[in-house]
Amino acid sequence: MKAEISKAIDRGNYIKYPLFERELPEGSYAQIVEIKPKSRVGKHYHKFQYELFYIISGEAKLGIGNEEYHAKPGDIYLVKPGDVHWVENNSEESFKLLVVKLNFRGEDTVWL
């Protein structure tokens, strides 16, 4: 099945594009996230879900726990439940990543 982007959810500093809605097994979710130029997604964590990030385009600072990474296309990261994470895009272009959520139970984000 080919992914179809049917809608965009604009959250201010970033846009979420849900993929395969109602097609993935329960507890799974996939989306493309676009962090706008000169924007950031603040520190937060998830109570239950794991997130797997695959960087599609652009470069940004990505923090996971006590580590900070220079994220670039082709990189893959794993965020475990409870891991505080954030993204800072200081460039003039968007930073896009594929986010696959496992053990997804709906919105479980805790913003810090």
Protein backbone atom coordinates (compact mmCIF):
# COMPACT_ATOMS: atom_id res chain seq x y z
CA MET A 1 0.00 0.00 0.00
CA LYS A 2 1.36 3.39 -0.95
CA ALA A 3 1.25 6.15 1.69
CA GLU A 4 -1.23 8.92 1.04
CA ILE A 5 -1.07 12.27 2.81
CA SER A 6 -4.68 13.30 3.21
CA LYS A 7 -4.28 16.21 5.61
CA ALA A 8 -1.78 18.47 7.32
CA ILE A 9 -1.96 19.38 11.00
CA ASP A 10 -0.24 22.72 11.59
CA ARG A 11 1.06 23.07 15.15
CA GLY A 12 2.76 26.45 14.68
CA ASN A 13 6.47 25.59 14.60
CA TYR A 14 5.88 22.27 12.89
CA ILE A 15 3.42 20.45 10.63
CA LYS A 16 2.35 16.81 11.01
CA TYR A 17 1.26 14.71 8.02
CA PRO A 18 -0.42 11.48 9.19
CA LEU A 19 0.27 8.35 7.08
CA PHE A 20 -1.70 5.09 6.77
CA GLU A 21 -4.46 6.23 9.11
CA ARG A 22 -6.60 3.29 10.23
CA GLU A 23 -4.34 0.92 8.25
CA LEU A 24 -1.60 0.20 10.78
CA PRO A 25 -2.01 -2.31 13.60
CA GLU A 26 -3.45 -0.91 16.80
CA GLY A 27 -0.71 0.72 18.83
CA SER A 28 1.18 1.93 15.75
CA TYR A 29 1.19 5.28 14.01
CA ALA A 30 3.25 6.86 11.23
CA GLN A 31 3.62 10.47 10.19
CA ILE A 32 5.94 12.88 8.44
CA VAL A 33 6.87 15.85 10.60
CA GLU A 34 8.17 19.09 9.09
CA ILE A 35 9.92 21.48 11.47
CA LYS A 36 9.68 24.92 9.90
CA PRO A 37 12.84 27.00 9.25
CA LYS A 38 14.21 28.84 12.30
CA SER A 39 11.82 26.89 14.58
CA ARG A 40 11.99 24.38 17.36
CA VAL A 41 9.92 21.67 18.99
CA GLY A 42 10.35 22.11 22.73
CA LYS A 43 11.39 19.54 25.30
CA HIS A 44 8.83 16.82 25.88
CA TYR A 45 8.48 13.10 26.46
CA HIS A 46 5.90 10.36 25.96
CA LYS A 47 4.55 8.17 28.74
CA PHE A 48 4.09 4.95 26.75
CA GLN A 49 5.19 5.27 23.14
CA TYR A 50 8.47 4.62 21.41
CA GLU A 51 9.34 6.85 18.45
CA LEU A 52 11.62 5.90 15.59
CA PHE A 53 12.90 8.91 13.60
CA TYR A 54 14.21 8.64 10.03
CA ILE A 55 15.59 11.96 8.78
CA ILE A 56 14.32 12.75 5.27
CA SER A 57 15.73 16.21 4.54
CA GLY A 58 17.40 19.19 6.16
CA GLU A 59 19.67 19.30 9.19
CA ALA A 60 18.89 20.17 12.81
CA LYS A 61 19.95 19.72 16.41
CA LEU A 62 18.15 16.79 17.97
CA GLY A 63 18.27 16.17 21.69
CA ILE A 64 17.41 12.79 23.23
CA GLY A 65 17.98 12.43 26.96
CA ASN A 66 21.40 13.88 27.78
CA GLU A 67 22.69 13.53 24.21
CA GLU A 68 22.60 16.15 21.45
CA TYR A 69 22.96 15.11 17.81
CA HIS A 70 23.53 16.85 14.49
CA ALA A 71 20.69 15.12 12.63
CA LYS A 72 20.96 14.83 8.84
CA PRO A 73 19.30 12.88 6.01
CA GLY A 74 19.60 9.12 6.39
CA ASP A 75 20.10 9.19 10.17
CA ILE A 76 17.84 7.01 12.33
CA TYR A 77 17.11 7.61 16.02
CA LEU A 78 15.11 5.77 18.68
CA VAL A 79 13.29 7.61 21.48
CA LYS A 80 12.06 5.39 24.34
CA PRO A 81 9.15 6.16 26.66
CA GLY A 82 10.22 8.76 29.22
CA ASP A 83 13.16 10.04 27.12
CA VAL A 84 13.03 13.83 27.00
CA HIS A 85 13.59 14.97 23.42
CA TRP A 86 13.51 18.15 21.34
CA VAL A 87 14.46 19.52 17.89
CA GLU A 88 15.97 22.87 16.95
CA ASN A 89 16.03 23.85 13.27
CA ASN A 90 18.29 26.88 12.86
CA SER A 91 18.50 26.66 9.07
CA GLU A 92 16.60 28.45 6.32
CA GLU A 93 15.02 25.19 5.09
CA SER A 94 12.52 22.80 6.61
CA PHE A 95 13.68 19.75 8.53
CA LYS A 96 11.61 16.68 7.62
CA LEU A 97 11.51 13.34 9.33
CA LEU A 98 9.45 10.18 9.21
CA VAL A 99 8.17 9.34 12.70
CA VAL A 100 6.94 5.82 13.45
CA LYS A 101 5.26 5.49 16.84
CA LEU A 102 5.04 2.12 18.58
CA ASN A 103 2.91 1.34 21.61
CA PHE A 104 0.83 4.36 20.56
CA ARG A 105 -2.21 4.94 22.79
CA GLY A 106 -3.28 8.34 21.54
CA GLU A 107 -1.89 11.61 22.79
CA ASP A 108 0.55 10.89 25.63
CA THR A 109 2.88 13.87 25.22
CA VAL A 110 4.10 15.67 28.32
CA TRP A 111 5.54 19.12 27.49
CA LEU A 112 8.23 20.52 29.77
